[in-house]
Amino acid sequence: MTWSIVARDAAGALGVLVASRFFAVGALCPHAHSGVGALCTQALVNPLYGPRGLALLAQGNTPADVVHVLTLADAGRDHRQLHVIDAEGNIAAHTGVECIDWCGQVIGEGFSVAGNMLAGPQVIEDTAQFYDAARELPFAERLIAAMGAGEAAGGDKRGKQAVALLICTTEAYPVLDLRVDDHADPLAELNRLYVKSLERFQPFVACLPSRARPAGVTDRSTIEAEIQHFQAARARHQG
């Protein structure tokens, strides 16, 4: 009922983008933590995979170990789909034998695309091919555009309803966590929200407390100057 991409970019950011004909897919499926890894649990989703999987990665287990441990302990494993990436870009995936066709996964360099109940294999193939080729794009835009390629190839064979984007960089909190829970064109709406986030939200988040700057920026005029600087740099890049 879903397809998704989990990825690590060249700077070490971790991201998940998931799309489905399922209400509020972002509430249960995508999970990530900076410096640890990211995963997406789908098909007959097991939301326990998220916190348990990230905890196992944080303990030093490989993605293959994580997939093995989680599925071995789950009597419903044949109905689950899961793919996991760690902070170094290593990947493992599981598609249960009872997942509904079309189902499967493609693993590339620093990313994995997996899906079930899809229009056909071209959905994940086109998603993967676009993501792999679009290395010049900012990470979030690369993920969104790659999923757009998969949607153009047919996407979820039941239709579309919800999407979610989760990106973690260096902090314990995500730098971007966007959800569209119920929409006629969820990926387009997600892209609208992403563009909106570039106006003030993303430069504001860059001013928040961080490992490098524990107090963050507290002077409001400095925050406003940082937002204006971000917007000017973006305008120059677009021009």
Protein backbone atom coordinates (compact mmCIF):
# COMPACT_ATOMS: atom_id res chain seq x y z
CA MET A 1 0.00 0.00 0.00
CA THR A 2 3.07 2.21 0.06
CA TRP A 3 6.41 3.03 -1.42
CA SER A 4 9.27 4.92 0.13
CA ILE A 5 12.88 5.92 -0.16
CA VAL A 6 15.41 5.93 2.68
CA ALA A 7 18.69 7.67 1.96
CA ARG A 8 21.90 9.24 3.20
CA ASP A 9 23.29 12.20 1.28
CA ALA A 10 26.94 13.08 0.72
CA ALA A 11 26.96 15.39 3.76
CA GLY A 12 25.65 12.63 6.04
CA ALA A 13 22.03 13.77 6.32
CA LEU A 14 19.49 10.97 6.67
CA GLY A 15 16.08 11.10 5.06
CA VAL A 16 12.86 9.20 4.49
CA LEU A 17 10.09 10.04 2.05
CA VAL A 18 7.02 7.80 2.00
CA ALA A 19 3.83 7.96 -0.09
CA SER A 20 0.67 5.88 0.20
CA ARG A 21 -3.05 5.52 -0.35
CA PHE A 22 -3.26 5.35 3.43
CA PHE A 23 -4.31 8.10 5.81
CA ALA A 24 -1.50 9.81 7.77
CA VAL A 25 1.24 7.49 6.54
CA GLY A 26 3.81 9.72 8.24
CA ALA A 27 2.42 8.89 11.67
CA LEU A 28 3.59 5.27 11.62
CA CYS A 29 6.04 4.49 8.83
CA PRO A 30 9.12 6.80 8.67
CA HIS A 31 11.73 6.91 11.43
CA ALA A 32 15.17 8.55 11.58
CA HIS A 33 17.74 9.86 14.03
CA SER A 34 20.84 11.90 13.25
CA GLY A 35 24.09 9.97 13.43
CA VAL A 36 22.19 6.69 13.77
CA GLY A 37 20.12 5.85 10.71
CA ALA A 38 16.71 5.84 9.09
CA LEU A 39 14.10 3.24 8.28
CA CYS A 40 10.61 2.84 6.92
CA THR A 41 8.18 0.14 8.03
CA GLN A 42 5.28 -0.52 5.66
CA ALA A 43 2.83 -3.05 4.11
CA LEU A 44 0.96 -4.29 7.21
CA VAL A 45 3.04 -1.78 9.14
CA ASN A 46 4.66 -2.69 12.44
CA PRO A 47 5.28 0.66 14.17
CA LEU A 48 7.38 -1.07 16.83
CA TYR A 49 10.09 -1.53 14.20
CA GLY A 50 10.83 2.21 14.31
CA PRO A 51 12.07 2.79 17.88
CA ARG A 52 13.46 -0.73 18.19
CA GLY A 53 15.32 -0.50 14.90
CA LEU A 54 16.90 2.86 15.70
CA ALA A 55 17.90 1.62 19.15
CA LEU A 56 19.60 -1.42 17.61
CA LEU A 57 21.48 0.79 15.14
CA ALA A 58 22.57 3.09 17.99
CA GLN A 59 23.99 0.04 19.76
CA GLY A 60 26.24 -0.65 16.77
CA ASN A 61 24.22 -3.30 14.96
CA THR A 62 24.33 -3.33 11.17
CA PRO A 63 21.18 -2.79 9.09
CA ALA A 64 21.26 -6.50 8.22
CA ASP A 65 21.37 -7.33 11.94
CA VAL A 66 18.46 -4.97 12.58
CA VAL A 67 16.29 -6.49 9.86
CA HIS A 68 17.10 -10.00 11.10
CA VAL A 69 16.37 -9.24 14.76
CA LEU A 70 13.14 -7.36 14.09
CA THR A 71 11.66 -9.83 11.64
CA LEU A 72 12.76 -12.93 13.57
CA ALA A 73 10.85 -11.73 16.63
CA ASP A 74 7.72 -10.85 14.61
CA ALA A 75 5.23 -13.63 13.85
CA GLY A 76 3.70 -11.30 11.25
CA ARG A 77 6.98 -10.89 9.35
CA ASP A 78 5.57 -12.33 6.13
CA HIS A 79 3.19 -9.36 5.91
CA ARG A 80 5.81 -6.68 6.63
CA GLN A 81 8.10 -4.61 4.48
CA LEU A 82 11.09 -2.84 5.99
CA HIS A 83 14.22 -1.11 4.77
CA VAL A 84 16.97 0.34 6.91
CA ILE A 85 19.98 2.58 6.32
CA ASP A 86 22.66 3.41 8.87
CA ALA A 87 24.74 6.56 9.31
CA GLU A 88 27.43 5.20 6.98
CA GLY A 89 24.98 4.40 4.19
CA ASN A 90 24.82 0.63 4.67
CA ILE A 91 21.42 -0.83 3.80
CA ALA A 92 19.27 -3.91 4.36
CA ALA A 93 15.68 -4.66 3.41
CA HIS A 94 12.92 -7.21 3.92
CA THR A 95 9.80 -7.81 1.84
CA GLY A 96 7.56 -10.49 3.32
CA VAL A 97 6.20 -13.22 1.09
CA GLU A 98 2.61 -12.18 1.84
CA CYS A 99 3.08 -8.55 0.79
CA ILE A 100 0.69 -7.65 -2.02
CA ASP A 101 1.98 -7.32 -5.57
CA TRP A 102 3.63 -5.51 -6.97
CA CYS A 103 6.16 -5.51 -4.16
CA GLY A 104 9.93 -5.41 -3.87
CA GLN A 105 12.92 -3.16 -3.36
CA VAL A 106 15.90 -1.63 -5.14
CA ILE A 107 19.10 -0.81 -3.27
CA GLY A 108 21.52 1.76 -4.67
CA GLU A 109 24.55 3.68 -3.44
CA GLY A 110 23.40 5.36 -0.25
CA PHE A 111 19.68 4.77 -0.80
CA SER A 112 16.94 2.16 -0.92
CA VAL A 113 13.52 2.26 -2.55
CA ALA A 114 10.88 -0.26 -1.46
CA GLY A 115 7.18 -0.63 -2.07
CA ASN A 116 4.15 -2.87 -2.09
CA MET A 117 0.70 -2.80 -3.67
CA LEU A 118 2.23 -0.79 -6.52
CA ALA A 119 1.24 -0.39 -10.16
CA GLY A 120 4.39 -2.34 -11.11
CA PRO A 121 8.17 -2.58 -10.70
CA GLN A 122 8.64 0.57 -12.78
CA VAL A 123 7.48 2.62 -9.79
CA ILE A 124 10.49 1.85 -7.64
CA GLU A 125 12.83 1.55 -10.63
CA ASP A 126 11.99 5.07 -11.83
CA THR A 127 12.17 6.43 -8.28
CA ALA A 128 15.62 4.91 -7.83
CA GLN A 129 16.92 5.97 -11.25
CA PHE A 130 15.85 9.57 -10.76
CA TYR A 131 17.29 9.78 -7.25
CA ASP A 132 20.59 8.28 -8.37
CA ALA A 133 20.91 10.70 -11.28
CA ALA A 134 19.83 13.91 -9.50
CA ARG A 135 22.87 14.40 -7.28
CA GLU A 136 23.01 18.13 -7.96
CA LEU A 137 19.70 18.78 -6.20
CA PRO A 138 19.39 19.67 -2.50
CA PHE A 139 18.60 16.53 -0.51
CA ALA A 140 14.91 17.25 0.18
CA GLU A 141 14.27 18.30 -3.41
CA ARG A 142 16.04 15.20 -4.69
CA LEU A 143 13.81 12.97 -2.56
CA ILE A 144 10.61 14.77 -3.58
CA ALA A 145 11.46 14.75 -7.28
CA ALA A 146 12.44 11.07 -7.17
CA MET A 147 9.08 10.16 -5.65
CA GLY A 148 7.45 12.26 -8.35
CA ALA A 149 9.11 10.02 -10.94
CA GLY A 150 7.68 6.97 -9.17
CA GLU A 151 4.25 8.52 -9.02
CA ALA A 152 4.40 9.24 -12.76
CA ALA A 153 5.13 5.52 -13.26
CA GLY A 154 1.89 4.58 -11.49
CA GLY A 155 2.65 4.81 -7.77
CA ASP A 156 0.32 3.03 -5.36
CA LYS A 157 -2.13 1.13 -7.56
CA ARG A 158 -5.06 2.16 -5.33
CA GLY A 159 -4.39 5.88 -5.77
CA LYS A 160 -2.83 8.54 -3.55
CA GLN A 161 -3.69 10.10 -0.22
CA ALA A 162 -0.74 10.88 2.06
CA VAL A 163 3.00 11.55 2.04
CA ALA A 164 5.65 12.38 4.63
CA LEU A 165 9.21 13.71 4.53
CA LEU A 166 11.62 13.36 7.45
CA ILE A 167 15.22 14.64 7.35
CA CYS A 168 17.82 14.58 10.14
CA THR A 169 21.26 16.16 9.95
CA THR A 170 23.46 16.74 13.01
CA GLU A 171 20.98 17.28 15.84
CA ALA A 172 18.72 15.13 18.00
CA TYR A 173 15.73 16.81 16.35
CA PRO A 174 14.87 16.67 12.63
CA VAL A 175 15.60 19.71 10.49
CA LEU A 176 12.54 18.93 8.38
CA ASP A 177 9.45 16.91 9.28
CA LEU A 178 6.61 17.54 6.84
CA ARG A 179 3.40 15.55 6.51
CA VAL A 180 0.39 15.62 4.24
CA ASP A 181 -2.13 13.29 5.88
CA ASP A 182 -5.12 13.46 3.51
CA HIS A 183 -5.01 15.24 0.16
CA ALA A 184 -6.08 14.67 -3.44
CA ASP A 185 -2.54 15.44 -4.66
CA PRO A 186 -0.33 14.84 -1.62
CA LEU A 187 3.08 15.00 -3.30
CA ALA A 188 2.30 18.36 -4.88
CA GLU A 189 1.07 19.59 -1.50
CA LEU A 190 4.26 18.32 0.16
CA ASN A 191 6.31 20.23 -2.38
CA ARG A 192 4.28 23.37 -1.62
CA LEU A 193 4.99 22.95 2.10
CA TYR A 194 8.67 22.39 1.38
CA VAL A 195 8.87 25.61 -0.65
CA LYS A 196 7.02 27.40 2.15
CA SER A 197 9.57 26.10 4.66
CA LEU A 198 12.32 27.84 2.71
CA GLU A 199 10.79 31.25 3.40
CA ARG A 200 11.45 31.40 7.14
CA PHE A 201 11.25 27.98 8.80
CA GLN A 202 14.51 26.43 7.58
CA PRO A 203 16.73 29.45 8.35
CA PHE A 204 14.98 29.80 11.71
CA VAL A 205 15.74 26.16 12.59
CA ALA A 206 19.40 26.85 11.78
CA CYS A 207 19.38 29.40 14.63
CA LEU A 208 18.06 26.98 17.25
CA PRO A 209 20.21 25.36 19.97
CA SER A 210 22.56 22.75 18.56
CA ARG A 211 25.56 20.66 19.53
CA ALA A 212 27.90 23.31 18.16
CA ARG A 213 25.92 26.22 19.64
CA PRO A 214 24.04 24.97 22.74
CA ALA A 215 22.19 28.24 23.39
CA GLY A 216 21.41 28.89 19.75
CA VAL A 217 20.77 32.45 18.61
CA THR A 218 18.58 34.39 21.01
CA ASP A 219 18.88 37.90 19.60
CA ARG A 220 15.81 38.38 17.42
CA SER A 221 17.45 40.93 15.14
CA THR A 222 20.26 38.45 14.46
CA ILE A 223 17.72 35.73 13.71
CA GLU A 224 15.94 38.05 11.29
CA ALA A 225 19.26 38.93 9.64
CA GLU A 226 20.02 35.22 9.21
CA ILE A 227 16.62 34.69 7.59
CA GLN A 228 17.20 37.58 5.21
CA HIS A 229 20.69 36.29 4.37
CA PHE A 230 19.26 32.83 3.64
CA GLN A 231 16.59 34.28 1.38
CA ALA A 232 19.11 36.44 -0.49
CA ALA A 233 21.40 33.45 -1.07
CA ARG A 234 18.46 31.42 -2.32
CA ALA A 235 17.43 34.21 -4.70
CA ARG A 236 20.99 34.38 -6.11
CA HIS A 237 21.03 30.62 -6.61
CA GLN A 238 17.68 30.68 -8.40
CA GLY A 239 18.80 33.58 -10.57
